[in-house]
Amino acid sequence: SKDRLCLLLVRFYETGEKDKTGSFTVQYTQMELADKIGVNLRSVQRSIAALESEQLVQLKKGKMVISKDQYEKLSKLLQ
């Protein structure tokens, strides 16, 4: 589920609107993310925790934020 989430986050970053620093904020809830990638909520929570501990995403006010550097690392991880 972590790989599926990474792929989804990379797609969101590529197609979404970034702020002036090049960061993208994911506007979906964890439950919506779980539905989108076809896994249960707990799997998404574990995947997000793992990505945060690997510094591939940041959590700010309960939302995932992906910087340009983090996006590049996520992209490399998927190759």
N, C-alpha and C. Protein backbone atom coordinates (compact mmCIF):
# COMPACT_ATOMS: atom_id res chain seq x y z
N SER A 1 0.82 -1.21 0.00
CA SER A 1 0.00 0.00 0.00
C SER A 1 0.86 1.27 0.00
N LYS A 2 2.08 1.16 0.55
CA LYS A 2 2.96 2.33 0.54
C LYS A 2 3.32 2.72 -0.89
N ASP A 3 3.61 1.74 -1.73
CA ASP A 3 3.94 2.03 -3.13
C ASP A 3 2.76 2.67 -3.86
N ARG A 4 1.56 2.15 -3.61
CA ARG A 4 0.36 2.72 -4.24
C ARG A 4 0.17 4.16 -3.79
N LEU A 5 0.38 4.40 -2.50
CA LEU A 5 0.23 5.76 -1.98
C LEU A 5 1.28 6.68 -2.59
N CYS A 6 2.51 6.21 -2.71
CA CYS A 6 3.58 7.02 -3.32
C CYS A 6 3.20 7.40 -4.75
N LEU A 7 2.70 6.44 -5.51
CA LEU A 7 2.31 6.69 -6.89
C LEU A 7 1.20 7.75 -6.95
N LEU A 8 0.22 7.63 -6.06
CA LEU A 8 -0.87 8.58 -6.02
C LEU A 8 -0.37 9.98 -5.65
N LEU A 9 0.55 10.05 -4.68
CA LEU A 9 1.08 11.34 -4.26
C LEU A 9 1.89 12.01 -5.37
N VAL A 10 2.65 11.21 -6.11
CA VAL A 10 3.42 11.75 -7.25
C VAL A 10 2.46 12.30 -8.30
N ARG A 11 1.39 11.58 -8.59
CA ARG A 11 0.39 12.06 -9.56
C ARG A 11 -0.26 13.35 -9.07
N PHE A 12 -0.62 13.38 -7.78
CA PHE A 12 -1.21 14.60 -7.21
C PHE A 12 -0.26 15.78 -7.38
N TYR A 13 1.01 15.56 -7.07
CA TYR A 13 1.99 16.65 -7.15
C TYR A 13 2.11 17.14 -8.59
N GLU A 14 2.16 16.20 -9.53
CA GLU A 14 2.36 16.56 -10.93
C GLU A 14 1.18 17.33 -11.51
N THR A 15 -0.02 17.02 -11.05
CA THR A 15 -1.21 17.63 -11.63
C THR A 15 -1.81 18.74 -10.76
N GLY A 16 -1.38 18.82 -9.51
CA GLY A 16 -1.99 19.76 -8.58
C GLY A 16 -1.33 21.13 -8.59
N GLU A 17 -1.99 22.03 -7.90
CA GLU A 17 -1.51 23.40 -7.80
C GLU A 17 -0.55 23.53 -6.62
N LYS A 18 0.65 24.04 -6.92
CA LYS A 18 1.67 24.20 -5.88
C LYS A 18 1.64 25.63 -5.34
N ASP A 19 2.15 25.81 -4.12
CA ASP A 19 2.28 27.17 -3.59
C ASP A 19 3.54 27.81 -4.15
N LYS A 20 3.83 29.02 -3.71
CA LYS A 20 4.97 29.75 -4.29
C LYS A 20 6.32 29.11 -3.98
N THR A 21 6.37 28.22 -2.98
CA THR A 21 7.63 27.53 -2.66
C THR A 21 7.78 26.22 -3.44
N GLY A 22 6.74 25.85 -4.21
CA GLY A 22 6.78 24.60 -4.97
C GLY A 22 6.25 23.42 -4.19
N SER A 23 5.63 23.68 -3.03
CA SER A 23 5.06 22.60 -2.21
C SER A 23 3.60 22.38 -2.59
N PHE A 24 3.17 21.13 -2.44
CA PHE A 24 1.80 20.75 -2.74
C PHE A 24 1.16 20.19 -1.47
N THR A 25 -0.06 20.63 -1.17
CA THR A 25 -0.79 20.13 0.00
C THR A 25 -1.90 19.20 -0.47
N VAL A 26 -1.89 17.98 0.06
CA VAL A 26 -2.91 16.98 -0.28
C VAL A 26 -4.20 17.35 0.46
N GLN A 27 -5.27 17.52 -0.28
CA GLN A 27 -6.54 17.97 0.31
C GLN A 27 -7.50 16.82 0.65
N TYR A 28 -7.07 15.59 0.46
CA TYR A 28 -7.93 14.44 0.72
C TYR A 28 -7.75 13.93 2.14
N THR A 29 -8.82 13.35 2.69
CA THR A 29 -8.73 12.71 4.00
C THR A 29 -8.05 11.35 3.84
N GLN A 30 -7.62 10.78 4.95
CA GLN A 30 -6.99 9.46 4.89
C GLN A 30 -7.97 8.42 4.36
N MET A 31 -9.25 8.55 4.72
CA MET A 31 -10.26 7.60 4.24
C MET A 31 -10.42 7.73 2.72
N GLU A 32 -10.41 8.95 2.21
CA GLU A 32 -10.52 9.15 0.76
C GLU A 32 -9.30 8.57 0.04
N LEU A 33 -8.13 8.74 0.63
CA LEU A 33 -6.92 8.15 0.04
C LEU A 33 -7.02 6.63 0.03
N ALA A 34 -7.51 6.06 1.12
CA ALA A 34 -7.68 4.60 1.21
C ALA A 34 -8.61 4.10 0.09
N ASP A 35 -9.71 4.82 -0.12
CA ASP A 35 -10.65 4.43 -1.18
C ASP A 35 -10.00 4.53 -2.55
N LYS A 36 -9.22 5.58 -2.77
CA LYS A 36 -8.59 5.80 -4.08
C LYS A 36 -7.58 4.70 -4.42
N ILE A 37 -6.84 4.21 -3.42
CA ILE A 37 -5.82 3.20 -3.73
C ILE A 37 -6.27 1.78 -3.39
N GLY A 38 -7.48 1.64 -2.86
CA GLY A 38 -8.06 0.31 -2.65
C GLY A 38 -7.48 -0.46 -1.48
N VAL A 39 -7.16 0.25 -0.40
CA VAL A 39 -6.69 -0.42 0.82
C VAL A 39 -7.50 0.11 2.00
N ASN A 40 -7.30 -0.50 3.17
CA ASN A 40 -8.06 -0.02 4.31
C ASN A 40 -7.38 1.19 4.97
N LEU A 41 -8.12 1.85 5.81
CA LEU A 41 -7.66 3.08 6.45
C LEU A 41 -6.37 2.86 7.25
N ARG A 42 -6.30 1.77 7.97
CA ARG A 42 -5.11 1.50 8.80
C ARG A 42 -3.86 1.38 7.94
N SER A 43 -3.98 0.76 6.78
CA SER A 43 -2.82 0.63 5.87
C SER A 43 -2.35 2.00 5.41
N VAL A 44 -3.29 2.90 5.11
CA VAL A 44 -2.94 4.26 4.70
C VAL A 44 -2.24 4.98 5.86
N GLN A 45 -2.77 4.82 7.06
CA GLN A 45 -2.16 5.47 8.23
C GLN A 45 -0.72 5.00 8.44
N ARG A 46 -0.51 3.69 8.31
CA ARG A 46 0.85 3.15 8.45
C ARG A 46 1.77 3.65 7.35
N SER A 47 1.25 3.71 6.12
CA SER A 47 2.05 4.18 4.99
C SER A 47 2.44 5.65 5.17
N ILE A 48 1.49 6.46 5.62
CA ILE A 48 1.78 7.88 5.85
C ILE A 48 2.83 8.03 6.95
N ALA A 49 2.70 7.26 8.01
CA ALA A 49 3.68 7.31 9.10
C ALA A 49 5.07 6.93 8.61
N ALA A 50 5.13 5.90 7.76
CA ALA A 50 6.42 5.45 7.21
C ALA A 50 7.01 6.54 6.31
N LEU A 51 6.19 7.13 5.46
CA LEU A 51 6.68 8.19 4.56
C LEU A 51 7.16 9.40 5.36
N GLU A 52 6.44 9.70 6.43
CA GLU A 52 6.86 10.84 7.25
C GLU A 52 8.19 10.55 7.96
N SER A 53 8.33 9.33 8.47
CA SER A 53 9.58 8.98 9.16
C SER A 53 10.77 8.95 8.19
N GLU A 54 10.50 8.66 6.91
CA GLU A 54 11.55 8.68 5.88
C GLU A 54 11.72 10.08 5.29
N GLN A 55 10.99 11.04 5.84
CA GLN A 55 11.02 12.44 5.40
C GLN A 55 10.66 12.61 3.92
N LEU A 56 9.69 11.80 3.47
CA LEU A 56 9.20 11.90 2.10
C LEU A 56 7.93 12.73 2.02
N VAL A 57 7.30 12.97 3.16
CA VAL A 57 6.16 13.90 3.26
C VAL A 57 6.26 14.59 4.61
N GLN A 58 5.57 15.71 4.73
CA GLN A 58 5.47 16.42 6.01
C GLN A 58 4.00 16.48 6.38
N LEU A 59 3.71 16.43 7.67
CA LEU A 59 2.35 16.65 8.12
C LEU A 59 2.26 18.03 8.75
N LYS A 60 1.36 18.84 8.22
CA LYS A 60 1.13 20.19 8.76
C LYS A 60 -0.35 20.37 8.97
N LYS A 61 -0.74 20.60 10.20
CA LYS A 61 -2.15 20.80 10.54
C LYS A 61 -3.02 19.66 10.02
N GLY A 62 -2.52 18.44 10.12
CA GLY A 62 -3.28 17.27 9.71
C GLY A 62 -3.31 17.01 8.21
N LYS A 63 -2.62 17.82 7.42
CA LYS A 63 -2.57 17.62 5.97
C LYS A 63 -1.16 17.22 5.56
N MET A 64 -1.07 16.39 4.52
CA MET A 64 0.23 16.02 3.98
C MET A 64 0.71 17.11 3.04
N VAL A 65 1.96 17.49 3.21
CA VAL A 65 2.58 18.50 2.34
C VAL A 65 3.80 17.86 1.69
N ILE A 66 3.92 18.04 0.38
CA ILE A 66 5.04 17.46 -0.38
C ILE A 66 5.83 18.61 -0.99
N SER A 67 7.09 18.72 -0.64
CA SER A 67 7.96 19.74 -1.23
C SER A 67 8.49 19.22 -2.56
N LYS A 68 9.12 20.11 -3.32
CA LYS A 68 9.70 19.71 -4.61
C LYS A 68 10.75 18.62 -4.40
N ASP A 69 11.62 18.79 -3.38
CA ASP A 69 12.64 17.78 -3.09
C ASP A 69 12.01 16.44 -2.72
N GLN A 70 10.97 16.48 -1.91
CA GLN A 70 10.30 15.24 -1.52
C GLN A 70 9.64 14.58 -2.72
N TYR A 71 9.07 15.39 -3.60
CA TYR A 71 8.47 14.85 -4.83
C TYR A 71 9.53 14.12 -5.66
N GLU A 72 10.71 14.74 -5.80
CA GLU A 72 11.78 14.11 -6.58
C GLU A 72 12.22 12.79 -5.95
N LYS A 73 12.29 12.75 -4.62
CA LYS A 73 12.67 11.50 -3.93
C LYS A 73 11.60 10.44 -4.11
N LEU A 74 10.32 10.84 -4.02
CA LEU A 74 9.22 9.89 -4.25
C LEU A 74 9.27 9.34 -5.66
N SER A 75 9.55 10.20 -6.64
CA SER A 75 9.63 9.76 -8.04
C SER A 75 10.74 8.74 -8.22
N LYS A 76 11.90 9.01 -7.62
CA LYS A 76 13.03 8.08 -7.74
C LYS A 76 12.70 6.75 -7.08
N LEU A 77 11.99 6.81 -5.96
CA LEU A 77 11.61 5.60 -5.23
C LEU A 77 10.74 4.69 -6.10
N LEU A 78 9.94 5.27 -6.97
CA LEU A 78 9.02 4.50 -7.81
C LEU A 78 9.69 3.91 -9.05
N GLN A 79 10.88 4.39 -9.39
CA GLN A 79 11.56 3.90 -10.59
C GLN A 79 12.23 2.56 -10.36
